[in-house]
All heavy atoms as atom14 arrays in JSON, in Angstrom:
{
  "sequence": "NGIWKNAKPLPFNSKLYSVSNPSVNSINTIVYFSSNMPGGIGGNDIWK",
  "atom14_mask": [
    [1, 1, 1, 1, 1, 1, 1, 1, 0, 0, 0, 0, 0, 0],
    [1, 1, 1, 1, 0, 0, 0, 0, 0, 0, 0, 0, 0, 0],
    [1, 1, 1, 1, 1, 1, 1, 1, 0, 0, 0, 0, 0, 0],
    [1, 1, 1, 1, 1, 1, 1, 1, 1, 1, 1, 1, 1, 1],
    [1, 1, 1, 1, 1, 1, 1, 1, 1, 0, 0, 0, 0, 0],
    [1, 1, 1, 1, 1, 1, 1, 1, 0, 0, 0, 0, 0, 0],
    [1, 1, 1, 1, 1, 0, 0, 0, 0, 0, 0, 0, 0, 0],
    [1, 1, 1, 1, 1, 1, 1, 1, 1, 0, 0, 0, 0, 0],
    [1, 1, 1, 1, 1, 1, 1, 0, 0, 0, 0, 0, 0, 0],
    [1, 1, 1, 1, 1, 1, 1, 1, 0, 0, 0, 0, 0, 0],
    [1, 1, 1, 1, 1, 1, 1, 0, 0, 0, 0, 0, 0, 0],
    [1, 1, 1, 1, 1, 1, 1, 1, 1, 1, 1, 0, 0, 0],
    [1, 1, 1, 1, 1, 1, 1, 1, 0, 0, 0, 0, 0, 0],
    [1, 1, 1, 1, 1, 1, 0, 0, 0, 0, 0, 0, 0, 0],
    [1, 1, 1, 1, 1, 1, 1, 1, 1, 0, 0, 0, 0, 0],
    [1, 1, 1, 1, 1, 1, 1, 1, 0, 0, 0, 0, 0, 0],
    [1, 1, 1, 1, 1, 1, 1, 1, 1, 1, 1, 1, 0, 0],
    [1, 1, 1, 1, 1, 1, 0, 0, 0, 0, 0, 0, 0, 0],
    [1, 1, 1, 1, 1, 1, 1, 0, 0, 0, 0, 0, 0, 0],
    [1, 1, 1, 1, 1, 1, 0, 0, 0, 0, 0, 0, 0, 0],
    [1, 1, 1, 1, 1, 1, 1, 1, 0, 0, 0, 0, 0, 0],
    [1, 1, 1, 1, 1, 1, 1, 0, 0, 0, 0, 0, 0, 0],
    [1, 1, 1, 1, 1, 1, 0, 0, 0, 0, 0, 0, 0, 0],
    [1, 1, 1, 1, 1, 1, 1, 0, 0, 0, 0, 0, 0, 0],
    [1, 1, 1, 1, 1, 1, 1, 1, 0, 0, 0, 0, 0, 0],
    [1, 1, 1, 1, 1, 1, 0, 0, 0, 0, 0, 0, 0, 0],
    [1, 1, 1, 1, 1, 1, 1, 1, 0, 0, 0, 0, 0, 0],
    [1, 1, 1, 1, 1, 1, 1, 1, 0, 0, 0, 0, 0, 0],
    [1, 1, 1, 1, 1, 1, 1, 0, 0, 0, 0, 0, 0, 0],
    [1, 1, 1, 1, 1, 1, 1, 1, 0, 0, 0, 0, 0, 0],
    [1, 1, 1, 1, 1, 1, 1, 0, 0, 0, 0, 0, 0, 0],
    [1, 1, 1, 1, 1, 1, 1, 1, 1, 1, 1, 1, 0, 0],
    [1, 1, 1, 1, 1, 1, 1, 1, 1, 1, 1, 0, 0, 0],
    [1, 1, 1, 1, 1, 1, 0, 0, 0, 0, 0, 0, 0, 0],
    [1, 1, 1, 1, 1, 1, 0, 0, 0, 0, 0, 0, 0, 0],
    [1, 1, 1, 1, 1, 1, 1, 1, 0, 0, 0, 0, 0, 0],
    [1, 1, 1, 1, 1, 1, 1, 1, 0, 0, 0, 0, 0, 0],
    [1, 1, 1, 1, 1, 1, 1, 0, 0, 0, 0, 0, 0, 0],
    [1, 1, 1, 1, 0, 0, 0, 0, 0, 0, 0, 0, 0, 0],
    [1, 1, 1, 1, 0, 0, 0, 0, 0, 0, 0, 0, 0, 0],
    [1, 1, 1, 1, 1, 1, 1, 1, 0, 0, 0, 0, 0, 0],
    [1, 1, 1, 1, 0, 0, 0, 0, 0, 0, 0, 0, 0, 0],
    [1, 1, 1, 1, 0, 0, 0, 0, 0, 0, 0, 0, 0, 0],
    [1, 1, 1, 1, 1, 1, 1, 1, 0, 0, 0, 0, 0, 0],
    [1, 1, 1, 1, 1, 1, 1, 1, 0, 0, 0, 0, 0, 0],
    [1, 1, 1, 1, 1, 1, 1, 1, 0, 0, 0, 0, 0, 0],
    [1, 1, 1, 1, 1, 1, 1, 1, 1, 1, 1, 1, 1, 1],
    [1, 1, 1, 1, 1, 1, 1, 1, 1, 0, 0, 0, 0, 0]
  ],
  "atom14_positions": [
    [[-15.73, -103.42, 24.95], [-16.68, -103.32, 25.97], [-16.44, -102.13, 26.86], [-16.53, -102.21, 28.1], [-16.83, -104.61, 26.8], [-17.39, -105.75, 26.01], [-18.3, -105.55, 25.22], [-16.82, -106.93, 26.17], [0.0, 0.0, 0.0], [0.0, 0.0, 0.0], [0.0, 0.0, 0.0], [0.0, 0.0, 0.0], [0.0, 0.0, 0.0], [0.0, 0.0, 0.0]],
    [[-16.13, -100.95, 26.22], [-15.94, -99.76, 27.01], [-14.51, -99.58, 27.52], [-14.21, -98.58, 28.21], [0.0, 0.0, 0.0], [0.0, 0.0, 0.0], [0.0, 0.0, 0.0], [0.0, 0.0, 0.0], [0.0, 0.0, 0.0], [0.0, 0.0, 0.0], [0.0, 0.0, 0.0], [0.0, 0.0, 0.0], [0.0, 0.0, 0.0], [0.0, 0.0, 0.0]],
    [[-13.64, -100.46, 27.23], [-12.23, -100.38, 27.7], [-11.37, -100.12, 26.51], [-11.34, -100.96, 25.58], [-11.77, -101.62, 28.45], [-12.71, -101.78, 29.7], [-10.33, -101.51, 28.84], [-12.48, -103.09, 30.4], [0.0, 0.0, 0.0], [0.0, 0.0, 0.0], [0.0, 0.0, 0.0], [0.0, 0.0, 0.0], [0.0, 0.0, 0.0], [0.0, 0.0, 0.0]],
    [[-10.59, -99.01, 26.47], [-9.69, -98.71, 25.4], [-8.45, -99.55, 25.55], [-7.82, -99.58, 26.58], [-9.36, -97.21, 25.31], [-10.56, -96.44, 24.94], [-11.36, -95.72, 25.74], [-11.12, -96.31, 23.61], [-12.4, -95.11, 24.98], [-12.22, -95.49, 23.68], [-10.7, -96.83, 22.39], [-12.99, -95.15, 22.58], [-11.5, -96.49, 21.28], [-12.61, -95.7, 21.39]],
    [[-8.03, -100.22, 24.43], [-6.86, -101.06, 24.43], [-5.99, -100.83, 23.15], [-6.47, -100.27, 22.22], [-7.29, -102.53, 24.43], [-8.03, -102.93, 25.64], [-8.42, -104.41, 25.59], [-9.15, -104.91, 26.8], [-9.47, -106.34, 26.74], [0.0, 0.0, 0.0], [0.0, 0.0, 0.0], [0.0, 0.0, 0.0], [0.0, 0.0, 0.0], [0.0, 0.0, 0.0]],
    [[-4.79, -101.3, 23.19], [-3.86, -101.27, 22.05], [-3.65, -99.88, 21.47], [-3.61, -99.68, 20.3], [-4.41, -102.16, 20.92], [-4.6, -103.63, 21.38], [-3.82, -104.14, 22.15], [-5.77, -104.18, 21.03], [0.0, 0.0, 0.0], [0.0, 0.0, 0.0], [0.0, 0.0, 0.0], [0.0, 0.0, 0.0], [0.0, 0.0, 0.0], [0.0, 0.0, 0.0]],
    [[-3.47, -98.89, 22.35], [-3.21, -97.53, 21.9], [-1.84, -97.46, 21.23], [-0.82, -97.94, 21.76], [-3.22, -96.58, 23.12], [0.0, 0.0, 0.0], [0.0, 0.0, 0.0], [0.0, 0.0, 0.0], [0.0, 0.0, 0.0], [0.0, 0.0, 0.0], [0.0, 0.0, 0.0], [0.0, 0.0, 0.0], [0.0, 0.0, 0.0], [0.0, 0.0, 0.0]],
    [[-1.89, -96.87, 19.99], [-0.64, -96.74, 19.22], [-0.57, -95.33, 18.61], [-1.58, -94.81, 18.15], [-0.67, -97.78, 18.07], [-0.63, -99.19, 18.49], [-0.79, -100.11, 17.28], [-0.95, -101.51, 17.8], [-1.26, -102.44, 16.63], [0.0, 0.0, 0.0], [0.0, 0.0, 0.0], [0.0, 0.0, 0.0], [0.0, 0.0, 0.0], [0.0, 0.0, 0.0]],
    [[0.54, -94.63, 18.74], [0.68, -93.33, 18.18], [0.68, -93.37, 16.66], [1.17, -94.29, 16.05], [2.09, -92.85, 18.71], [2.86, -94.13, 18.95], [1.85, -95.13, 19.36], [0.0, 0.0, 0.0], [0.0, 0.0, 0.0], [0.0, 0.0, 0.0], [0.0, 0.0, 0.0], [0.0, 0.0, 0.0], [0.0, 0.0, 0.0], [0.0, 0.0, 0.0]],
    [[0.1, -92.33, 16.07], [0.14, -92.23, 14.61], [1.54, -91.81, 14.19], [2.26, -91.15, 14.96], [-0.85, -91.15, 14.16], [-2.33, -91.44, 14.44], [-3.24, -90.47, 13.7], [-2.65, -92.89, 14.02], [0.0, 0.0, 0.0], [0.0, 0.0, 0.0], [0.0, 0.0, 0.0], [0.0, 0.0, 0.0], [0.0, 0.0, 0.0], [0.0, 0.0, 0.0]],
    [[1.92, -92.23, 13.03], [3.35, -92.12, 12.63], [3.85, -90.65, 12.33], [5.03, -90.4, 12.35], [3.42, -92.94, 11.33], [2.09, -92.95, 10.81], [1.18, -92.94, 12.03], [0.0, 0.0, 0.0], [0.0, 0.0, 0.0], [0.0, 0.0, 0.0], [0.0, 0.0, 0.0], [0.0, 0.0, 0.0], [0.0, 0.0, 0.0], [0.0, 0.0, 0.0]],
    [[2.88, -89.78, 12.24], [3.3, -88.34, 11.99], [3.33, -87.49, 13.29], [3.47, -86.27, 13.22], [2.46, -87.67, 10.89], [1.04, -88.11, 10.91], [0.1, -87.5, 11.7], [0.54, -89.08, 10.06], [-1.2, -87.87, 11.75], [-0.78, -89.49, 10.07], [-1.66, -88.87, 10.93], [0.0, 0.0, 0.0], [0.0, 0.0, 0.0], [0.0, 0.0, 0.0]],
    [[3.19, -88.11, 14.45], [3.27, -87.38, 15.74], [4.76, -86.95, 15.9], [5.69, -87.58, 15.31], [2.93, -88.32, 16.9], [1.49, -88.55, 17.07], [0.68, -87.74, 16.59], [1.12, -89.65, 17.74], [0.0, 0.0, 0.0], [0.0, 0.0, 0.0], [0.0, 0.0, 0.0], [0.0, 0.0, 0.0], [0.0, 0.0, 0.0], [0.0, 0.0, 0.0]],
    [[4.95, -85.94, 16.67], [6.32, -85.53, 16.96], [6.27, -84.7, 18.28], [5.29, -84.06, 18.62], [6.84, -84.61, 15.86], [8.1, -84.02, 16.19], [0.0, 0.0, 0.0], [0.0, 0.0, 0.0], [0.0, 0.0, 0.0], [0.0, 0.0, 0.0], [0.0, 0.0, 0.0], [0.0, 0.0, 0.0], [0.0, 0.0, 0.0], [0.0, 0.0, 0.0]],
    [[7.42, -84.68, 18.99], [7.5, -83.85, 20.18], [7.82, -82.4, 19.81], [7.85, -81.56, 20.61], [8.62, -84.46, 21.07], [8.25, -85.71, 21.71], [9.33, -86.21, 22.66], [8.85, -87.53, 23.25], [9.83, -88.07, 24.16], [0.0, 0.0, 0.0], [0.0, 0.0, 0.0], [0.0, 0.0, 0.0], [0.0, 0.0, 0.0], [0.0, 0.0, 0.0]],
    [[8.06, -82.17, 18.47], [8.47, -80.8, 18.01], [7.31, -79.99, 17.61], [7.39, -78.79, 17.38], [9.46, -80.94, 16.83], [10.73, -81.7, 17.14], [11.63, -81.85, 15.93], [11.48, -80.97, 18.3], [0.0, 0.0, 0.0], [0.0, 0.0, 0.0], [0.0, 0.0, 0.0], [0.0, 0.0, 0.0], [0.0, 0.0, 0.0], [0.0, 0.0, 0.0]],
    [[6.11, -80.64, 17.38], [4.88, -79.91, 17.04], [3.69, -80.73, 17.5], [3.82, -81.86, 17.89], [4.83, -79.75, 15.47], [5.02, -80.96, 14.64], [4.01, -81.88, 14.47], [6.29, -81.22, 14.09], [4.17, -83.01, 13.77], [6.44, -82.41, 13.37], [5.39, -83.27, 13.14], [5.62, -84.38, 12.43], [0.0, 0.0, 0.0], [0.0, 0.0, 0.0]],
    [[2.5, -80.05, 17.44], [1.23, -80.7, 17.86], [0.49, -81.26, 16.7], [0.49, -80.74, 15.55], [0.36, -79.65, 18.55], [0.91, -79.24, 19.77], [0.0, 0.0, 0.0], [0.0, 0.0, 0.0], [0.0, 0.0, 0.0], [0.0, 0.0, 0.0], [0.0, 0.0, 0.0], [0.0, 0.0, 0.0], [0.0, 0.0, 0.0], [0.0, 0.0, 0.0]],
    [[-0.22, -82.36, 16.92], [-1.12, -83.01, 15.96], [-2.45, -83.23, 16.72], [-2.41, -83.84, 17.76], [-0.53, -84.32, 15.45], [-1.47, -84.98, 14.41], [0.82, -84.1, 14.81], [0.0, 0.0, 0.0], [0.0, 0.0, 0.0], [0.0, 0.0, 0.0], [0.0, 0.0, 0.0], [0.0, 0.0, 0.0], [0.0, 0.0, 0.0], [0.0, 0.0, 0.0]],
    [[-3.57, -82.63, 16.24], [-4.77, -82.73, 17.09], [-6.03, -82.7, 16.17], [-5.93, -82.57, 14.93], [-4.79, -81.57, 17.99], [-4.8, -80.34, 17.34], [0.0, 0.0, 0.0], [0.0, 0.0, 0.0], [0.0, 0.0, 0.0], [0.0, 0.0, 0.0], [0.0, 0.0, 0.0], [0.0, 0.0, 0.0], [0.0, 0.0, 0.0], [0.0, 0.0, 0.0]],
    [[-7.18, -82.76, 16.79], [-8.48, -82.57, 16.22], [-8.73, -83.45, 14.99], [-9.09, -82.96, 13.88], [-8.72, -81.13, 15.88], [-8.55, -80.21, 17.06], [-9.06, -80.53, 18.1], [-7.8, -79.18, 16.94], [0.0, 0.0, 0.0], [0.0, 0.0, 0.0], [0.0, 0.0, 0.0], [0.0, 0.0, 0.0], [0.0, 0.0, 0.0], [0.0, 0.0, 0.0]],
    [[-8.67, -84.76, 15.09], [-8.85, -85.64, 13.92], [-10.28, -85.83, 13.48], [-11.18, -85.7, 14.37], [-8.27, -86.98, 14.42], [-8.64, -86.99, 15.91], [-8.41, -85.56, 16.3], [0.0, 0.0, 0.0], [0.0, 0.0, 0.0], [0.0, 0.0, 0.0], [0.0, 0.0, 0.0], [0.0, 0.0, 0.0], [0.0, 0.0, 0.0], [0.0, 0.0, 0.0]],
    [[-10.43, -86.11, 12.25], [-11.76, -86.5, 11.69], [-11.48, -87.53, 10.64], [-10.61, -87.35, 9.74], [-12.48, -85.28, 11.11], [-13.8, -85.6, 10.73], [0.0, 0.0, 0.0], [0.0, 0.0, 0.0], [0.0, 0.0, 0.0], [0.0, 0.0, 0.0], [0.0, 0.0, 0.0], [0.0, 0.0, 0.0], [0.0, 0.0, 0.0], [0.0, 0.0, 0.0]],
    [[-12.16, -88.69, 10.66], [-11.96, -89.74, 9.66], [-13.18, -89.81, 8.73], [-14.27, -89.68, 9.1], [-11.79, -91.08, 10.38], [-11.56, -92.22, 9.38], [-10.58, -91.01, 11.36], [0.0, 0.0, 0.0], [0.0, 0.0, 0.0], [0.0, 0.0, 0.0], [0.0, 0.0, 0.0], [0.0, 0.0, 0.0], [0.0, 0.0, 0.0], [0.0, 0.0, 0.0]],
    [[-12.9, -89.97, 7.45], [-14.06, -90.09, 6.48], [-14.85, -91.33, 6.74], [-14.43, -92.22, 7.5], [-13.48, -90.0, 5.02], [-12.77, -91.25, 4.62], [-12.32, -92.07, 5.38], [-12.52, -91.37, 3.27], [0.0, 0.0, 0.0], [0.0, 0.0, 0.0], [0.0, 0.0, 0.0], [0.0, 0.0, 0.0], [0.0, 0.0, 0.0], [0.0, 0.0, 0.0]],
    [[-16.03, -91.37, 6.13], [-16.99, -92.42, 6.43], [-16.57, -93.83, 6.08], [-17.12, -94.8, 6.63], [-18.35, -92.13, 5.78], [-18.17, -92.12, 4.32], [0.0, 0.0, 0.0], [0.0, 0.0, 0.0], [0.0, 0.0, 0.0], [0.0, 0.0, 0.0], [0.0, 0.0, 0.0], [0.0, 0.0, 0.0], [0.0, 0.0, 0.0], [0.0, 0.0, 0.0]],
    [[-15.59, -93.99, 5.19], [-15.15, -95.33, 4.8], [-13.77, -95.64, 5.42], [-13.16, -96.7, 5.03], [-15.2, -95.54, 3.29], [-14.32, -94.49, 2.63], [-16.64, -95.49, 2.71], [-14.18, -94.73, 1.09], [0.0, 0.0, 0.0], [0.0, 0.0, 0.0], [0.0, 0.0, 0.0], [0.0, 0.0, 0.0], [0.0, 0.0, 0.0], [0.0, 0.0, 0.0]],
    [[-13.37, -94.83, 6.35], [-12.13, -95.08, 7.21], [-10.86, -95.2, 6.29], [-10.08, -96.03, 6.54], [-12.34, -96.33, 8.02], [-11.41, -96.33, 9.23], [-11.19, -95.31, 9.85], [-10.92, -97.47, 9.6], [0.0, 0.0, 0.0], [0.0, 0.0, 0.0], [0.0, 0.0, 0.0], [0.0, 0.0, 0.0], [0.0, 0.0, 0.0], [0.0, 0.0, 0.0]],
    [[-10.76, -94.31, 5.32], [-9.62, -94.41, 4.47], [-8.77, -93.09, 4.46], [-7.64, -93.08, 3.97], [-10.0, -94.68, 2.95], [-10.9, -93.66, 2.52], [-10.71, -95.98, 2.83], [0.0, 0.0, 0.0], [0.0, 0.0, 0.0], [0.0, 0.0, 0.0], [0.0, 0.0, 0.0], [0.0, 0.0, 0.0], [0.0, 0.0, 0.0], [0.0, 0.0, 0.0]],
    [[-9.26, -92.02, 5.02], [-8.53, -90.78, 5.17], [-8.71, -90.16, 6.54], [-9.88, -90.13, 6.97], [-8.95, -89.78, 4.1], [-8.71, -90.29, 2.69], [-8.16, -88.45, 4.31], [-9.21, -89.4, 1.62], [0.0, 0.0, 0.0], [0.0, 0.0, 0.0], [0.0, 0.0, 0.0], [0.0, 0.0, 0.0], [0.0, 0.0, 0.0], [0.0, 0.0, 0.0]],
    [[-7.7, -89.75, 7.19], [-7.79, -88.95, 8.47], [-7.38, -87.54, 8.14], [-6.32, -87.32, 7.49], [-6.95, -89.58, 9.58], [-5.46, -89.67, 9.24], [-7.16, -88.81, 10.89], [0.0, 0.0, 0.0], [0.0, 0.0, 0.0], [0.0, 0.0, 0.0], [0.0, 0.0, 0.0], [0.0, 0.0, 0.0], [0.0, 0.0, 0.0], [0.0, 0.0, 0.0]],
    [[-8.17, -86.61, 8.52], [-7.84, -85.21, 8.5], [-7.49, -84.75, 9.96], [-8.1, -85.2, 10.87], [-9.03, -84.39, 8.06], [-9.45, -84.77, 6.59], [-10.35, -85.81, 6.35], [-8.95, -84.09, 5.47], [-10.73, -86.17, 5.08], [-9.32, -84.41, 4.23], [-10.21, -85.49, 3.97], [-10.52, -85.82, 2.71], [0.0, 0.0, 0.0], [0.0, 0.0, 0.0]],
    [[-6.59, -83.81, 10.05], [-6.16, -83.39, 11.39], [-5.54, -81.99, 11.25], [-5.18, -81.49, 10.19], [-5.17, -84.33, 11.98], [-3.93, -84.53, 11.16], [-2.77, -83.85, 11.38], [-3.89, -85.52, 10.18], [-1.59, -84.01, 10.63], [-2.75, -85.76, 9.38], [-1.61, -85.01, 9.64], [0.0, 0.0, 0.0], [0.0, 0.0, 0.0], [0.0, 0.0, 0.0]],
    [[-5.41, -81.37, 12.38], [-4.82, -80.02, 12.48], [-3.41, -80.2, 13.09], [-3.17, -80.99, 13.94], [-5.67, -79.14, 13.41], [-5.05, -77.88, 13.64], [0.0, 0.0, 0.0], [0.0, 0.0, 0.0], [0.0, 0.0, 0.0], [0.0, 0.0, 0.0], [0.0, 0.0, 0.0], [0.0, 0.0, 0.0], [0.0, 0.0, 0.0], [0.0, 0.0, 0.0]],
    [[-2.45, -79.36, 12.5], [-1.08, -79.45, 13.03], [-0.33, -78.18, 12.71], [-0.62, -77.49, 11.71], [-0.38, -80.59, 12.46], [1.0, -80.72, 12.99], [0.0, 0.0, 0.0], [0.0, 0.0, 0.0], [0.0, 0.0, 0.0], [0.0, 0.0, 0.0], [0.0, 0.0, 0.0], [0.0, 0.0, 0.0], [0.0, 0.0, 0.0], [0.0, 0.0, 0.0]],
    [[0.61, -77.84, 13.56], [1.55, -76.76, 13.31], [2.92, -77.28, 12.85], [3.93, -76.7, 13.09], [1.72, -75.85, 14.58], [2.27, -76.59, 15.71], [2.22, -77.83, 15.85], [2.8, -75.84, 16.74], [0.0, 0.0, 0.0], [0.0, 0.0, 0.0], [0.0, 0.0, 0.0], [0.0, 0.0, 0.0], [0.0, 0.0, 0.0], [0.0, 0.0, 0.0]],
    [[2.92, -78.48, 12.22], [4.13, -79.06, 11.78], [4.78, -78.21, 10.62], [4.08, -77.47, 9.97], [3.91, -80.51, 11.24], [3.06, -80.7, 10.05], [2.96, -82.36, 9.42], [2.05, -83.18, 10.72], [0.0, 0.0, 0.0], [0.0, 0.0, 0.0], [0.0, 0.0, 0.0], [0.0, 0.0, 0.0], [0.0, 0.0, 0.0], [0.0, 0.0, 0.0]],
    [[6.08, -78.41, 10.45], [6.75, -77.64, 9.39], [6.13, -78.0, 8.0], [5.67, -79.1, 7.78], [8.21, -78.21, 9.46], [8.32, -78.73, 10.85], [7.05, -79.2, 11.22], [0.0, 0.0, 0.0], [0.0, 0.0, 0.0], [0.0, 0.0, 0.0], [0.0, 0.0, 0.0], [0.0, 0.0, 0.0], [0.0, 0.0, 0.0], [0.0, 0.0, 0.0]],
    [[6.17, -77.08, 7.07], [5.59, -77.22, 5.75], [4.25, -76.67, 5.64], [3.65, -76.78, 4.53], [0.0, 0.0, 0.0], [0.0, 0.0, 0.0], [0.0, 0.0, 0.0], [0.0, 0.0, 0.0], [0.0, 0.0, 0.0], [0.0, 0.0, 0.0], [0.0, 0.0, 0.0], [0.0, 0.0, 0.0], [0.0, 0.0, 0.0], [0.0, 0.0, 0.0]],
    [[3.68, -76.07, 6.65], [2.38, -75.48, 6.6], [2.4, -74.09, 6.03], [3.38, -73.48, 5.75], [0.0, 0.0, 0.0], [0.0, 0.0, 0.0], [0.0, 0.0, 0.0], [0.0, 0.0, 0.0], [0.0, 0.0, 0.0], [0.0, 0.0, 0.0], [0.0, 0.0, 0.0], [0.0, 0.0, 0.0], [0.0, 0.0, 0.0], [0.0, 0.0, 0.0]],
    [[1.16, -73.53, 5.9], [0.96, -72.17, 5.4], [0.87, -71.19, 6.53], [1.36, -70.07, 6.45], [-0.34, -72.12, 4.5], [-0.07, -73.07, 3.34], [-0.66, -70.74, 4.11], [-1.32, -73.29, 2.44], [0.0, 0.0, 0.0], [0.0, 0.0, 0.0], [0.0, 0.0, 0.0], [0.0, 0.0, 0.0], [0.0, 0.0, 0.0], [0.0, 0.0, 0.0]],
    [[0.16, -71.59, 7.62], [0.03, -70.67, 8.76], [0.47, -71.28, 10.04], [1.37, -72.13, 10.03], [0.0, 0.0, 0.0], [0.0, 0.0, 0.0], [0.0, 0.0, 0.0], [0.0, 0.0, 0.0], [0.0, 0.0, 0.0], [0.0, 0.0, 0.0], [0.0, 0.0, 0.0], [0.0, 0.0, 0.0], [0.0, 0.0, 0.0], [0.0, 0.0, 0.0]],
    [[-0.13, -70.97, 11.14], [0.23, -71.51, 12.44], [-0.17, -72.96, 12.51], [0.65, -73.87, 12.5], [0.0, 0.0, 0.0], [0.0, 0.0, 0.0], [0.0, 0.0, 0.0], [0.0, 0.0, 0.0], [0.0, 0.0, 0.0], [0.0, 0.0, 0.0], [0.0, 0.0, 0.0], [0.0, 0.0, 0.0], [0.0, 0.0, 0.0], [0.0, 0.0, 0.0]],
    [[-1.48, -73.18, 12.62], [-2.06, -74.56, 12.51], [-2.8, -74.65, 11.13], [-3.58, -73.82, 10.78], [-3.09, -74.77, 13.63], [-2.44, -74.97, 14.96], [-1.5, -75.77, 15.18], [-2.9, -74.16, 15.98], [0.0, 0.0, 0.0], [0.0, 0.0, 0.0], [0.0, 0.0, 0.0], [0.0, 0.0, 0.0], [0.0, 0.0, 0.0], [0.0, 0.0, 0.0]],
    [[-2.5, -75.75, 10.48], [-3.11, -76.04, 9.2], [-3.87, -77.32, 9.26], [-3.68, -78.13, 10.15], [-2.07, -76.12, 8.11], [-1.57, -74.76, 7.61], [-2.05, -73.73, 8.11], [-0.64, -74.79, 6.8], [0.0, 0.0, 0.0], [0.0, 0.0, 0.0], [0.0, 0.0, 0.0], [0.0, 0.0, 0.0], [0.0, 0.0, 0.0], [0.0, 0.0, 0.0]],
    [[-4.75, -77.55, 8.26], [-5.44, -78.85, 8.09], [-4.56, -79.73, 7.19], [-4.16, -79.3, 6.11], [-6.83, -78.69, 7.55], [-7.64, -77.74, 8.46], [-7.51, -80.04, 7.45], [-7.86, -78.09, 9.78], [0.0, 0.0, 0.0], [0.0, 0.0, 0.0], [0.0, 0.0, 0.0], [0.0, 0.0, 0.0], [0.0, 0.0, 0.0], [0.0, 0.0, 0.0]],
    [[-4.31, -80.96, 7.6], [-3.51, -81.91, 6.91], [-4.39, -83.13, 6.67], [-5.48, -83.28, 7.31], [-2.32, -82.27, 7.7], [-1.35, -81.16, 8.0], [-1.52, -80.1, 8.85], [-0.12, -80.96, 7.37], [-0.5, -79.28, 8.85], [0.4, -79.72, 7.92], [0.64, -81.6, 6.44], [1.64, -79.24, 7.57], [1.86, -81.12, 6.06], [2.37, -79.96, 6.58]],
    [[-3.94, -84.08, 5.88], [-4.63, -85.39, 5.67], [-3.58, -86.43, 5.49], [-2.45, -86.16, 5.06], [-5.6, -85.37, 4.53], [-5.01, -85.38, 3.18], [-6.05, -85.45, 2.1], [-5.39, -85.59, 0.71], [-6.44, -85.82, -0.33], [0.0, 0.0, 0.0], [0.0, 0.0, 0.0], [0.0, 0.0, 0.0], [0.0, 0.0, 0.0], [0.0, 0.0, 0.0]]
  ]
}
């Protein structure tokens, strides 16, 4: 009813890099997001 509850961090968050700009597919089975985490190609990459 308009009140956000039960906030839980996603498991791939880190204090060492940023995770942002999520988008979830229509059947709620994949989350896409932007991050500068290690293992990327550039500065910020798209991950899933």
